[in-house]
Amino acid sequence: MRRSILFLAAGLMASSLTGAIAEPAGDGVAGLGSYAARVEIHPIESLTLSDRQFLTGTSDGSKPVTVTGVLRIAKAGTERLPTVVLMHGSGGLSGNIEFWQRALAARGISTFALDGFTGRGLTSVNTDQSLLSRTNLILDIYRALGVLAKHPRVDPARVAVMGFSRGGQAALYASLKRFDTAWNRSGITPAVFLPVYPDCSIRFQDDAATVGRPIRMFGGSGDDYNPVASCTAYTERLKAAGANVSLTVFPGAQHVFDNPAGPPQPTVAKGAQTVRACSLHEATDGAIVEGPKDTPFTYADLCVQRDPHIGSDEAARVATLKGVTDALGAAFEGR
């Protein structure tokens, strides 16, 4: 009798583990299914550029740099898998990146999480955004695509780009045809772009011409770090130009709402810089300028403010996971 009970207990345990793999919990991270079958660290040869260098398509005077990417292969075997590039924000690799690594792994999707900071001697640029020009992370994404294009476990037709905050800005503008033509040598055109609470504050030249793939943005109405209003305006311009783009806004959600390790209540990100009050655009010579007088922009400008808020939001996180999962399913279908 005791032996039968032990066998029954073992069977229930095995059934429980199998169910955990097959059915992720509401937050998308559950059991063994959220662990990678294999993890690889890849060096990525990139450049450290000024914004003007990137925008004018020249690498003269730039500094070669080796950044890294963490490739988490979702399934054992030899098949080529769908893969999502993850680009961090101003705080570097943090809890939200780990959340997405595990949530996507639970759905059989590999991830390639980029670290654009460590190789450049940085840990964070929250309180001094001038430490790294914004467009560098776009170049890092393109160089990462070059690594994935050669990997035997990656399906190049099912690659997506996802980013958060500053990295969300990079993921968003990596969709521009102009930048793709100038810098993307990978042979991969991402199937979908997934910017999460991106900074949409800079108006670039020709920024309504995209590579023709879907763009699915996510933001929060309570975000005073990267207010969603600028993304709303940009979304409307993209739609007017015929782009396949949408913006989902979660009521009351704060910046970094998807980070399960973030503060549960809105909390001041002390000293963090925000350009929410700036009017930024690209001049004809590739310089980023501010205001109606086209004054060359620096982070010492009066329009740069500090102390925005951040906050975790479980409902917004779960809803974003569903939105991202749906977008990936639609983009990868038939590829």
C-alpha atoms as a PDB file:
ATOM      1  CA  MET A   1       0.000   0.000   0.000  1.00  0.00           C
ATOM      2  CA  ARG A   2       2.779   2.387   0.958  1.00  0.00           C
ATOM      3  CA  ARG A   3       4.608   1.548  -2.264  1.00  0.00           C
ATOM      4  CA  SER A   4       1.489   2.379  -4.292  1.00  0.00           C
ATOM      5  CA  ILE A   5       1.174   5.712  -2.523  1.00  0.00           C
ATOM      6  CA  LEU A   6       4.796   6.543  -3.329  1.00  0.00           C
ATOM      7  CA  PHE A   7       4.285   5.700  -7.002  1.00  0.00           C
ATOM      8  CA  LEU A   8       1.134   7.830  -7.034  1.00  0.00           C
ATOM      9  CA  ALA A   9       2.996  10.771  -5.476  1.00  0.00           C
ATOM     10  CA  ALA A  10       5.806  10.431  -8.013  1.00  0.00           C
ATOM     11  CA  GLY A  11       3.274  10.346 -10.841  1.00  0.00           C
ATOM     12  CA  LEU A  12       1.526  13.464  -9.568  1.00  0.00           C
ATOM     13  CA  MET A  13       4.864  15.274  -9.294  1.00  0.00           C
ATOM     14  CA  ALA A  14       5.799  14.356 -12.877  1.00  0.00           C
ATOM     15  CA  SER A  15       2.370  15.454 -14.077  1.00  0.00           C
ATOM     16  CA  SER A  16       2.763  18.750 -12.237  1.00  0.00           C
ATOM     17  CA  LEU A  17       6.143  19.438 -13.870  1.00  0.00           C
ATOM     18  CA  THR A  18       4.812  18.561 -17.305  1.00  0.00           C
ATOM     19  CA  GLY A  19       1.919  20.920 -16.813  1.00  0.00           C
ATOM     20  CA  ALA A  20       4.278  23.699 -15.721  1.00  0.00           C
ATOM     21  CA  ILE A  21       6.189  23.369 -18.988  1.00  0.00           C
ATOM     22  CA  ALA A  22       3.104  23.278 -21.148  1.00  0.00           C
ATOM     23  CA  GLU A  23       1.060  25.963 -19.415  1.00  0.00           C
ATOM     24  CA  PRO A  24       2.942  29.090 -18.274  1.00  0.00           C
ATOM     25  CA  ALA A  25       1.314  30.992 -15.421  1.00  0.00           C
ATOM     26  CA  GLY A  26      -0.430  34.329 -15.880  1.00  0.00           C
ATOM     27  CA  ASP A  27       2.813  36.281 -15.770  1.00  0.00           C
ATOM     28  CA  GLY A  28       4.329  33.985 -18.410  1.00  0.00           C
ATOM     29  CA  VAL A  29       7.120  32.573 -16.238  1.00  0.00           C
ATOM     30  CA  ALA A  30       6.436  29.111 -14.919  1.00  0.00           C
ATOM     31  CA  GLY A  31       8.411  26.022 -14.012  1.00  0.00           C
ATOM     32  CA  LEU A  32      10.971  24.273 -16.116  1.00  0.00           C
ATOM     33  CA  GLY A  33       9.587  25.620 -19.371  1.00  0.00           C
ATOM     34  CA  SER A  34      11.021  29.049 -18.623  1.00  0.00           C
ATOM     35  CA  TYR A  35      14.622  27.802 -18.477  1.00  0.00           C
ATOM     36  CA  ALA A  36      16.869  27.826 -21.532  1.00  0.00           C
ATOM     37  CA  ALA A  37      18.087  24.564 -23.038  1.00  0.00           C
ATOM     38  CA  ARG A  38      21.437  26.247 -23.673  1.00  0.00           C
ATOM     39  CA  VAL A  39      23.010  29.626 -22.904  1.00  0.00           C
ATOM     40  CA  GLU A  40      25.787  31.205 -24.978  1.00  0.00           C
ATOM     41  CA  ILE A  41      27.700  34.479 -24.513  1.00  0.00           C
ATOM     42  CA  HIS A  42      28.602  36.084 -27.837  1.00  0.00           C
ATOM     43  CA  PRO A  43      31.004  38.966 -28.492  1.00  0.00           C
ATOM     44  CA  ILE A  44      29.606  41.555 -30.890  1.00  0.00           C
ATOM     45  CA  GLU A  45      31.962  43.856 -32.754  1.00  0.00           C
ATOM     46  CA  SER A  46      30.438  47.326 -32.810  1.00  0.00           C
ATOM     47  CA  LEU A  47      31.433  50.987 -32.771  1.00  0.00           C
ATOM     48  CA  THR A  48      31.022  53.883 -30.372  1.00  0.00           C
ATOM     49  CA  LEU A  49      29.802  56.813 -32.443  1.00  0.00           C
ATOM     50  CA  SER A  50      28.426  60.285 -31.989  1.00  0.00           C
ATOM     51  CA  ASP A  51      24.831  60.778 -33.067  1.00  0.00           C
ATOM     52  CA  ARG A  52      26.043  62.905 -35.959  1.00  0.00           C
ATOM     53  CA  GLN A  53      28.334  60.120 -37.180  1.00  0.00           C
ATOM     54  CA  PHE A  54      25.510  57.613 -37.083  1.00  0.00           C
ATOM     55  CA  LEU A  55      23.034  59.965 -38.749  1.00  0.00           C
ATOM     56  CA  THR A  56      25.424  60.918 -41.559  1.00  0.00           C
ATOM     57  CA  GLY A  57      26.454  57.303 -42.109  1.00  0.00           C
ATOM     58  CA  THR A  58      30.137  57.781 -41.398  1.00  0.00           C
ATOM     59  CA  SER A  59      32.370  55.831 -39.036  1.00  0.00           C
ATOM     60  CA  ASP A  60      35.403  58.102 -39.428  1.00  0.00           C
ATOM     61  CA  GLY A  61      36.868  58.756 -35.974  1.00  0.00           C
ATOM     62  CA  SER A  62      34.615  56.211 -34.268  1.00  0.00           C
ATOM     63  CA  LYS A  63      35.938  53.808 -31.656  1.00  0.00           C
ATOM     64  CA  PRO A  64      35.749  50.037 -32.196  1.00  0.00           C
ATOM     65  CA  VAL A  65      34.180  48.267 -29.212  1.00  0.00           C
ATOM     66  CA  THR A  66      33.221  44.722 -28.318  1.00  0.00           C
ATOM     67  CA  VAL A  67      29.826  44.466 -26.669  1.00  0.00           C
ATOM     68  CA  THR A  68      28.150  41.203 -25.733  1.00  0.00           C
ATOM     69  CA  GLY A  69      24.899  39.324 -26.087  1.00  0.00           C
ATOM     70  CA  VAL A  70      23.399  36.496 -24.041  1.00  0.00           C
ATOM     71  CA  LEU A  71      21.744  33.958 -26.341  1.00  0.00           C
ATOM     72  CA  ARG A  72      19.270  31.719 -24.498  1.00  0.00           C
ATOM     73  CA  ILE A  73      18.232  28.872 -26.786  1.00  0.00           C
ATOM     74  CA  ALA A  74      14.723  27.859 -25.822  1.00  0.00           C
ATOM     75  CA  LYS A  75      14.693  24.216 -26.902  1.00  0.00           C
ATOM     76  CA  ALA A  76      17.166  21.352 -27.146  1.00  0.00           C
ATOM     77  CA  GLY A  77      17.791  19.832 -30.548  1.00  0.00           C
ATOM     78  CA  THR A  78      18.944  21.154 -33.899  1.00  0.00           C
ATOM     79  CA  GLU A  79      15.945  23.061 -35.270  1.00  0.00           C
ATOM     80  CA  ARG A  80      16.176  26.751 -36.062  1.00  0.00           C
ATOM     81  CA  LEU A  81      14.101  28.710 -33.565  1.00  0.00           C
ATOM     82  CA  PRO A  82      12.382  32.101 -33.510  1.00  0.00           C
ATOM     83  CA  THR A  83      14.535  34.587 -31.621  1.00  0.00           C
ATOM     84  CA  VAL A  84      13.867  37.984 -30.042  1.00  0.00           C
ATOM     85  CA  VAL A  85      16.669  40.532 -29.631  1.00  0.00           C
ATOM     86  CA  LEU A  86      16.281  42.337 -26.273  1.00  0.00           C
ATOM     87  CA  MET A  87      17.806  45.819 -25.918  1.00  0.00           C
ATOM     88  CA  HIS A  88      18.042  47.209 -22.377  1.00  0.00           C
ATOM     89  CA  GLY A  89      17.358  50.734 -21.202  1.00  0.00           C
ATOM     90  CA  SER A  90      19.453  53.388 -19.442  1.00  0.00           C
ATOM     91  CA  GLY A  91      19.987  51.214 -16.369  1.00  0.00           C
ATOM     92  CA  GLY A  92      21.532  48.332 -18.319  1.00  0.00           C
ATOM     93  CA  LEU A  93      20.502  44.700 -18.007  1.00  0.00           C
ATOM     94  CA  SER A  94      17.931  44.481 -15.211  1.00  0.00           C
ATOM     95  CA  GLY A  95      14.973  42.503 -13.896  1.00  0.00           C
ATOM     96  CA  ASN A  96      12.684  43.175 -16.831  1.00  0.00           C
ATOM     97  CA  ILE A  97      15.201  41.619 -19.235  1.00  0.00           C
ATOM     98  CA  GLU A  98      15.245  38.440 -17.140  1.00  0.00           C
ATOM     99  CA  PHE A  99      11.453  38.435 -17.091  1.00  0.00           C
ATOM    100  CA  TRP A 100      11.286  38.533 -20.889  1.00  0.00           C
ATOM    101  CA  GLN A 101      14.034  35.946 -21.285  1.00  0.00           C
ATOM    102  CA  ARG A 102      12.090  33.469 -19.175  1.00  0.00           C
ATOM    103  CA  ALA A 103       8.598  34.368 -20.426  1.00  0.00           C
ATOM    104  CA  LEU A 104       9.614  33.958 -24.054  1.00  0.00           C
ATOM    105  CA  ALA A 105      11.555  30.748 -23.328  1.00  0.00           C
ATOM    106  CA  ALA A 106       8.374  29.317 -21.834  1.00  0.00           C
ATOM    107  CA  ARG A 107       6.795  29.863 -25.246  1.00  0.00           C
ATOM    108  CA  GLY A 108       9.605  28.183 -27.164  1.00  0.00           C
ATOM    109  CA  ILE A 109      11.193  31.464 -28.286  1.00  0.00           C
ATOM    110  CA  SER A 110      14.920  32.099 -27.900  1.00  0.00           C
ATOM    111  CA  THR A 111      16.241  35.494 -26.794  1.00  0.00           C
ATOM    112  CA  PHE A 112      19.428  37.441 -27.473  1.00  0.00           C
ATOM    113  CA  ALA A 113      19.837  40.004 -24.676  1.00  0.00           C
ATOM    114  CA  LEU A 114      22.358  42.678 -25.600  1.00  0.00           C
ATOM    115  CA  ASP A 115      24.656  44.467 -23.169  1.00  0.00           C
ATOM    116  CA  GLY A 116      25.592  47.755 -24.780  1.00  0.00           C
ATOM    117  CA  PHE A 117      27.200  49.158 -21.622  1.00  0.00           C
ATOM    118  CA  THR A 118      29.802  46.882 -20.038  1.00  0.00           C
ATOM    119  CA  GLY A 119      32.074  46.754 -23.085  1.00  0.00           C
ATOM    120  CA  ARG A 120      32.025  50.561 -23.121  1.00  0.00           C
ATOM    121  CA  GLY A 121      32.928  50.812 -19.433  1.00  0.00           C
ATOM    122  CA  LEU A 122      29.413  51.834 -18.397  1.00  0.00           C
ATOM    123  CA  THR A 123      26.917  50.456 -15.903  1.00  0.00           C
ATOM    124  CA  SER A 124      24.157  53.062 -16.194  1.00  0.00           C
ATOM    125  CA  VAL A 125      23.473  56.370 -17.935  1.00  0.00           C
ATOM    126  CA  ASN A 126      20.300  57.253 -16.017  1.00  0.00           C
ATOM    127  CA  THR A 127      21.750  60.329 -14.353  1.00  0.00           C
ATOM    128  CA  ASP A 128      24.058  61.328 -17.231  1.00  0.00           C
ATOM    129  CA  GLN A 129      22.624  60.442 -20.624  1.00  0.00           C
ATOM    130  CA  SER A 130      25.522  62.203 -22.353  1.00  0.00           C
ATOM    131  CA  LEU A 131      27.792  59.232 -21.540  1.00  0.00           C
ATOM    132  CA  LEU A 132      26.581  57.424 -24.669  1.00  0.00           C
ATOM    133  CA  SER A 133      24.949  58.813 -27.781  1.00  0.00           C
ATOM    134  CA  ARG A 134      21.434  57.524 -28.295  1.00  0.00           C
ATOM    135  CA  THR A 135      21.951  55.982 -31.705  1.00  0.00           C
ATOM    136  CA  ASN A 136      24.743  53.624 -30.574  1.00  0.00           C
ATOM    137  CA  LEU A 137      22.197  51.073 -29.409  1.00  0.00           C
ATOM    138  CA  ILE A 138      20.613  51.024 -32.872  1.00  0.00           C
ATOM    139  CA  LEU A 139      23.987  50.074 -34.336  1.00  0.00           C
ATOM    140  CA  ASP A 140      24.435  47.411 -31.649  1.00  0.00           C
ATOM    141  CA  ILE A 141      21.099  45.888 -32.685  1.00  0.00           C
ATOM    142  CA  TYR A 142      22.182  45.713 -36.317  1.00  0.00           C
ATOM    143  CA  ARG A 143      25.521  44.146 -35.362  1.00  0.00           C
ATOM    144  CA  ALA A 144      23.687  41.609 -33.169  1.00  0.00           C
ATOM    145  CA  LEU A 145      21.538  40.648 -36.153  1.00  0.00           C
ATOM    146  CA  GLY A 146      24.764  39.833 -37.963  1.00  0.00           C
ATOM    147  CA  VAL A 147      25.672  37.348 -35.221  1.00  0.00           C
ATOM    148  CA  LEU A 148      22.236  35.738 -35.323  1.00  0.00           C
ATOM    149  CA  ALA A 149      22.311  35.451 -39.112  1.00  0.00           C
ATOM    150  CA  LYS A 150      25.206  32.982 -38.823  1.00  0.00           C
ATOM    151  CA  HIS A 151      23.895  30.924 -35.904  1.00  0.00           C
ATOM    152  CA  PRO A 152      22.668  27.397 -36.732  1.00  0.00           C
ATOM    153  CA  ARG A 153      19.894  27.479 -34.090  1.00  0.00           C
ATOM    154  CA  VAL A 154      18.367  30.789 -35.226  1.00  0.00           C
ATOM    155  CA  ASP A 155      15.710  31.081 -37.932  1.00  0.00           C
ATOM    156  CA  PRO A 156      16.638  34.362 -39.667  1.00  0.00           C
ATOM    157  CA  ALA A 157      13.107  34.708 -41.030  1.00  0.00           C
ATOM    158  CA  ARG A 158      11.702  34.686 -37.484  1.00  0.00           C
ATOM    159  CA  VAL A 159      13.764  37.311 -35.683  1.00  0.00           C
ATOM    160  CA  ALA A 160      12.161  40.204 -33.804  1.00  0.00           C
ATOM    161  CA  VAL A 161      13.628  43.265 -32.087  1.00  0.00           C
ATOM    162  CA  MET A 162      12.335  44.367 -28.691  1.00  0.00           C
ATOM    163  CA  GLY A 163      13.643  47.185 -26.502  1.00  0.00           C
ATOM    164  CA  PHE A 164      12.857  49.139 -23.373  1.00  0.00           C
ATOM    165  CA  SER A 165      13.086  52.903 -22.707  1.00  0.00           C
ATOM    166  CA  ARG A 166      16.365  54.035 -24.330  1.00  0.00           C
ATOM    167  CA  GLY A 167      16.546  50.532 -25.798  1.00  0.00           C
ATOM    168  CA  GLY A 168      12.920  50.895 -26.865  1.00  0.00           C
ATOM    169  CA  GLN A 169      13.917  54.002 -28.754  1.00  0.00           C
ATOM    170  CA  ALA A 170      16.657  51.978 -30.456  1.00  0.00           C
ATOM    171  CA  ALA A 171      14.221  49.163 -31.287  1.00  0.00           C
ATOM    172  CA  LEU A 172      11.744  51.678 -32.694  1.00  0.00           C
ATOM    173  CA  TYR A 173      14.168  53.558 -34.922  1.00  0.00           C
ATOM    174  CA  ALA A 174      15.963  50.400 -36.050  1.00  0.00           C
ATOM    175  CA  SER A 175      12.813  50.020 -38.189  1.00  0.00           C
ATOM    176  CA  LEU A 176      13.696  53.097 -40.277  1.00  0.00           C
ATOM    177  CA  LYS A 177      14.629  52.356 -43.878  1.00  0.00           C
ATOM    178  CA  ARG A 178      17.298  55.040 -43.883  1.00  0.00           C
ATOM    179  CA  PHE A 179      19.171  53.597 -40.892  1.00  0.00           C
ATOM    180  CA  ASP A 180      18.732  50.013 -42.070  1.00  0.00           C
ATOM    181  CA  THR A 181      20.209  50.868 -45.462  1.00  0.00           C
ATOM    182  CA  ALA A 182      23.157  52.745 -43.970  1.00  0.00           C
ATOM    183  CA  TRP A 183      24.127  50.332 -41.174  1.00  0.00           C
ATOM    184  CA  ASN A 184      22.433  46.924 -41.322  1.00  0.00           C
ATOM    185  CA  ARG A 185      24.713  44.449 -43.082  1.00  0.00           C
ATOM    186  CA  SER A 186      23.241  41.315 -41.506  1.00  0.00           C
ATOM    187  CA  GLY A 187      20.866  40.278 -44.259  1.00  0.00           C
ATOM    188  CA  ILE A 188      18.089  40.048 -41.648  1.00  0.00           C
ATOM    189  CA  THR A 189      15.049  42.297 -41.738  1.00  0.00           C
ATOM    190  CA  PRO A 190      13.279  41.760 -38.391  1.00  0.00           C
ATOM    191  CA  ALA A 191       9.765  40.361 -38.687  1.00  0.00           C
ATOM    192  CA  VAL A 192       8.386  42.794 -36.085  1.00  0.00           C
ATOM    193  CA  PHE A 193       9.641  45.654 -33.900  1.00  0.00           C
ATOM    194  CA  LEU A 194       8.461  45.810 -30.266  1.00  0.00           C
ATOM    195  CA  PRO A 195       9.363  49.073 -28.468  1.00  0.00           C
ATOM    196  CA  VAL A 196       8.238  49.210 -24.824  1.00  0.00           C
ATOM    197  CA  TYR A 197       7.869  52.700 -23.231  1.00  0.00           C
ATOM    198  CA  PRO A 198      10.329  54.123 -25.797  1.00  0.00           C
ATOM    199  CA  ASP A 199      11.573  57.690 -26.041  1.00  0.00           C
ATOM    200  CA  CYS A 200       9.884  59.070 -29.175  1.00  0.00           C
ATOM    201  CA  SER A 201      11.056  62.631 -28.550  1.00  0.00           C
ATOM    202  CA  ILE A 202      13.509  63.047 -31.463  1.00  0.00           C
ATOM    203  CA  ARG A 203      12.151  63.772 -34.919  1.00  0.00           C
ATOM    204  CA  PHE A 204      14.639  62.356 -37.405  1.00  0.00           C
ATOM    205  CA  GLN A 205      14.765  63.111 -41.106  1.00  0.00           C
ATOM    206  CA  ASP A 206      12.752  60.614 -43.173  1.00  0.00           C
ATOM    207  CA  ASP A 207      11.483  58.963 -39.996  1.00  0.00           C
ATOM    208  CA  ALA A 208       8.146  57.993 -41.543  1.00  0.00           C
ATOM    209  CA  ALA A 209       9.818  55.628 -44.030  1.00  0.00           C
ATOM    210  CA  THR A 210      10.229  52.193 -42.450  1.00  0.00           C
ATOM    211  CA  VAL A 211      11.438  48.793 -43.668  1.00  0.00           C
ATOM    212  CA  GLY A 212       7.812  47.753 -44.012  1.00  0.00           C
ATOM    213  CA  ARG A 213       7.515  45.388 -41.053  1.00  0.00           C
ATOM    214  CA  PRO A 214       4.970  45.744 -38.209  1.00  0.00           C
ATOM    215  CA  ILE A 215       5.737  48.004 -35.256  1.00  0.00           C
ATOM    216  CA  ARG A 216       3.922  47.306 -31.994  1.00  0.00           C
ATOM    217  CA  MET A 217       4.560  49.867 -29.243  1.00  0.00           C
ATOM    218  CA  PHE A 218       3.535  49.671 -25.589  1.00  0.00           C
ATOM    219  CA  GLY A 219       3.459  52.476 -23.020  1.00  0.00           C
ATOM    220  CA  GLY A 220       1.789  53.752 -19.875  1.00  0.00           C
ATOM    221  CA  SER A 221      -0.368  56.822 -19.419  1.00  0.00           C
ATOM    222  CA  GLY A 222       1.321  57.489 -16.062  1.00  0.00           C
ATOM    223  CA  ASP A 223       4.825  57.578 -17.553  1.00  0.00           C
ATOM    224  CA  ASP A 224       6.519  60.918 -16.832  1.00  0.00           C
ATOM    225  CA  TYR A 225       9.969  59.618 -17.862  1.00  0.00           C
ATOM    226  CA  ASN A 226       9.127  59.022 -21.531  1.00  0.00           C
ATOM    227  CA  PRO A 227       5.601  60.470 -21.776  1.00  0.00           C
ATOM    228  CA  VAL A 228       3.455  58.544 -24.212  1.00  0.00           C
ATOM    229  CA  ALA A 229       2.189  61.693 -25.957  1.00  0.00           C
ATOM    230  CA  SER A 230       5.239  61.932 -28.226  1.00  0.00           C
ATOM    231  CA  CYS A 231       4.795  58.281 -29.250  1.00  0.00           C
ATOM    232  CA  THR A 232       1.115  58.906 -29.950  1.00  0.00           C
ATOM    233  CA  ALA A 233       2.025  61.740 -32.320  1.00  0.00           C
ATOM    234  CA  TYR A 234       4.727  59.661 -34.007  1.00  0.00           C
ATOM    235  CA  THR A 235       2.345  56.716 -34.404  1.00  0.00           C
ATOM    236  CA  GLU A 236      -0.115  58.936 -36.224  1.00  0.00           C
ATOM    237  CA  ARG A 237       2.601  60.186 -38.590  1.00  0.00           C
ATOM    238  CA  LEU A 238       3.677  56.617 -39.303  1.00  0.00           C
ATOM    239  CA  LYS A 239       0.093  55.551 -39.975  1.00  0.00           C
ATOM    240  CA  ALA A 240      -0.374  58.483 -42.341  1.00  0.00           C
ATOM    241  CA  ALA A 241       2.677  57.245 -44.250  1.00  0.00           C
ATOM    242  CA  GLY A 242       1.165  53.763 -44.543  1.00  0.00           C
ATOM    243  CA  ALA A 243       3.157  51.978 -41.819  1.00  0.00           C
ATOM    244  CA  ASN A 244       1.722  48.945 -40.018  1.00  0.00           C
ATOM    245  CA  VAL A 245       1.993  50.381 -36.512  1.00  0.00           C
ATOM    246  CA  SER A 246       0.035  50.370 -33.270  1.00  0.00           C
ATOM    247  CA  LEU A 247       0.488  51.874 -29.816  1.00  0.00           C
ATOM    248  CA  THR A 248      -1.099  50.228 -26.765  1.00  0.00           C
ATOM    249  CA  VAL A 249      -1.353  52.494 -23.716  1.00  0.00           C
ATOM    250  CA  PHE A 250      -2.059  51.063 -20.254  1.00  0.00           C
ATOM    251  CA  PRO A 251      -3.978  53.443 -17.950  1.00  0.00           C
ATOM    252  CA  GLY A 252      -1.882  54.704 -15.060  1.00  0.00           C
ATOM    253  CA  ALA A 253       1.129  52.509 -15.822  1.00  0.00           C
ATOM    254  CA  GLN A 254       4.502  53.996 -14.925  1.00  0.00           C
ATOM    255  CA  HIS A 255       7.874  53.748 -16.628  1.00  0.00           C
ATOM    256  CA  VAL A 256       9.406  50.229 -16.381  1.00  0.00           C
ATOM    257  CA  PHE A 257       5.963  48.811 -15.599  1.00  0.00           C
ATOM    258  CA  ASP A 258       7.080  45.411 -16.933  1.00  0.00           C
ATOM    259  CA  ASN A 259       9.834  44.909 -14.351  1.00  0.00           C
ATOM    260  CA  PRO A 260       8.580  42.462 -11.676  1.00  0.00           C
ATOM    261  CA  ALA A 261      11.503  43.543  -9.467  1.00  0.00           C
ATOM    262  CA  GLY A 262      10.534  47.223  -9.682  1.00  0.00           C
ATOM    263  CA  PRO A 263       8.842  49.249  -6.930  1.00  0.00           C
ATOM    264  CA  PRO A 264       5.130  48.413  -6.568  1.00  0.00           C
ATOM    265  CA  GLN A 265       4.272  52.091  -6.113  1.00  0.00           C
ATOM    266  CA  PRO A 266       5.432  55.064  -8.224  1.00  0.00           C
ATOM    267  CA  THR A 267       8.903  55.950  -6.976  1.00  0.00           C
ATOM    268  CA  VAL A 268      11.203  58.812  -7.925  1.00  0.00           C
ATOM    269  CA  ALA A 269      14.174  57.727 -10.041  1.00  0.00           C
ATOM    270  CA  LYS A 270      16.412  60.156  -8.188  1.00  0.00           C
ATOM    271  CA  GLY A 271      18.655  62.216 -10.439  1.00  0.00           C
ATOM    272  CA  ALA A 272      17.544  60.484 -13.643  1.00  0.00           C
ATOM    273  CA  GLN A 273      17.435  62.761 -16.672  1.00  0.00           C
ATOM    274  CA  THR A 274      14.401  63.078 -18.918  1.00  0.00           C
ATOM    275  CA  VAL A 275      13.963  65.060 -22.146  1.00  0.00           C
ATOM    276  CA  ARG A 276      10.172  65.155 -21.771  1.00  0.00           C
ATOM    277  CA  ALA A 277      10.177  68.981 -22.008  1.00  0.00           C
ATOM    278  CA  CYS A 278      12.564  69.161 -24.970  1.00  0.00           C
ATOM    279  CA  SER A 279      11.663  69.632 -28.632  1.00  0.00           C
ATOM    280  CA  LEU A 280      14.357  67.666 -30.444  1.00  0.00           C
ATOM    281  CA  HIS A 281      14.920  67.091 -34.128  1.00  0.00           C
ATOM    282  CA  GLU A 282      17.671  66.271 -36.575  1.00  0.00           C
ATOM    283  CA  ALA A 283      19.191  69.157 -38.521  1.00  0.00           C
ATOM    284  CA  THR A 284      20.288  68.808 -42.133  1.00  0.00           C
ATOM    285  CA  ASP A 285      23.918  68.289 -41.060  1.00  0.00           C
ATOM    286  CA  GLY A 286      23.019  65.371 -38.761  1.00  0.00           C
ATOM    287  CA  ALA A 287      23.176  67.357 -35.519  1.00  0.00           C
ATOM    288  CA  ILE A 288      20.444  66.950 -32.893  1.00  0.00           C
ATOM    289  CA  VAL A 289      19.026  70.377 -32.188  1.00  0.00           C
ATOM    290  CA  GLU A 290      16.444  71.719 -29.754  1.00  0.00           C
ATOM    291  CA  GLY A 291      13.637  74.212 -30.091  1.00  0.00           C
ATOM    292  CA  PRO A 292      12.573  76.614 -32.837  1.00  0.00           C
ATOM    293  CA  LYS A 293      16.039  78.197 -33.009  1.00  0.00           C
ATOM    294  CA  ASP A 294      17.713  74.855 -33.776  1.00  0.00           C
ATOM    295  CA  THR A 295      20.112  75.206 -30.863  1.00  0.00           C
ATOM    296  CA  PRO A 296      22.592  72.282 -30.719  1.00  0.00           C
ATOM    297  CA  PHE A 297      21.292  70.018 -27.993  1.00  0.00           C
ATOM    298  CA  THR A 298      23.231  69.034 -24.877  1.00  0.00           C
ATOM    299  CA  TYR A 299      22.108  67.459 -21.613  1.00  0.00           C
ATOM    300  CA  ALA A 300      22.980  70.738 -19.901  1.00  0.00           C
ATOM    301  CA  ASP A 301      20.043  72.421 -21.675  1.00  0.00           C
ATOM    302  CA  LEU A 302      17.294  73.920 -19.509  1.00  0.00           C
ATOM    303  CA  CYS A 303      14.683  71.646 -21.079  1.00  0.00           C
ATOM    304  CA  VAL A 304      16.349  68.579 -19.540  1.00  0.00           C
ATOM    305  CA  GLN A 305      14.579  67.688 -16.301  1.00  0.00           C
ATOM    306  CA  ARG A 306      15.267  65.209 -13.510  1.00  0.00           C
ATOM    307  CA  ASP A 307      13.533  62.912 -11.022  1.00  0.00           C
ATOM    308  CA  PRO A 308      10.865  61.163 -13.106  1.00  0.00           C
ATOM    309  CA  HIS A 309       9.023  58.190 -11.653  1.00  0.00           C
ATOM    310  CA  ILE A 310       9.232  54.439 -12.153  1.00  0.00           C
ATOM    311  CA  GLY A 311       6.936  51.671 -10.961  1.00  0.00           C
ATOM    312  CA  SER A 312       6.034  48.028 -11.544  1.00  0.00           C
ATOM    313  CA  ASP A 313       2.523  47.156 -12.698  1.00  0.00           C
ATOM    314  CA  GLU A 314       1.524  43.500 -12.837  1.00  0.00           C
ATOM    315  CA  ALA A 315      -1.625  44.042 -14.891  1.00  0.00           C
ATOM    316  CA  ALA A 316       0.255  46.062 -17.505  1.00  0.00           C
ATOM    317  CA  ARG A 317       3.075  43.505 -17.538  1.00  0.00           C
ATOM    318  CA  VAL A 318       0.711  40.596 -18.164  1.00  0.00           C
ATOM    319  CA  ALA A 319      -1.180  42.565 -20.830  1.00  0.00           C
ATOM    320  CA  THR A 320       2.071  43.488 -22.554  1.00  0.00           C
ATOM    321  CA  LEU A 321       3.137  39.852 -22.539  1.00  0.00           C
ATOM    322  CA  LYS A 322      -0.109  38.916 -24.273  1.00  0.00           C
ATOM    323  CA  GLY A 323       0.279  41.727 -26.777  1.00  0.00           C
ATOM    324  CA  VAL A 324       3.872  40.758 -27.521  1.00  0.00           C
ATOM    325  CA  THR A 325       2.989  37.066 -27.797  1.00  0.00           C
ATOM    326  CA  ASP A 326       0.158  37.868 -30.222  1.00  0.00           C
ATOM    327  CA  ALA A 327       2.405  40.168 -32.276  1.00  0.00           C
ATOM    328  CA  LEU A 328       5.136  37.532 -32.505  1.00  0.00           C
ATOM    329  CA  GLY A 329       2.651  34.846 -33.474  1.00  0.00           C
ATOM    330  CA  ALA A 330       1.222  37.008 -36.264  1.00  0.00           C
ATOM    331  CA  ALA A 331       4.657  38.111 -37.515  1.00  0.00           C
ATOM    332  CA  PHE A 332       6.173  34.623 -37.489  1.00  0.00           C
ATOM    333  CA  GLU A 333       3.161  32.832 -38.960  1.00  0.00           C
ATOM    334  CA  GLY A 334       3.993  31.149 -42.241  1.00  0.00           C
ATOM    335  CA  ARG A 335       7.686  32.041 -42.066  1.00  0.00           C
END
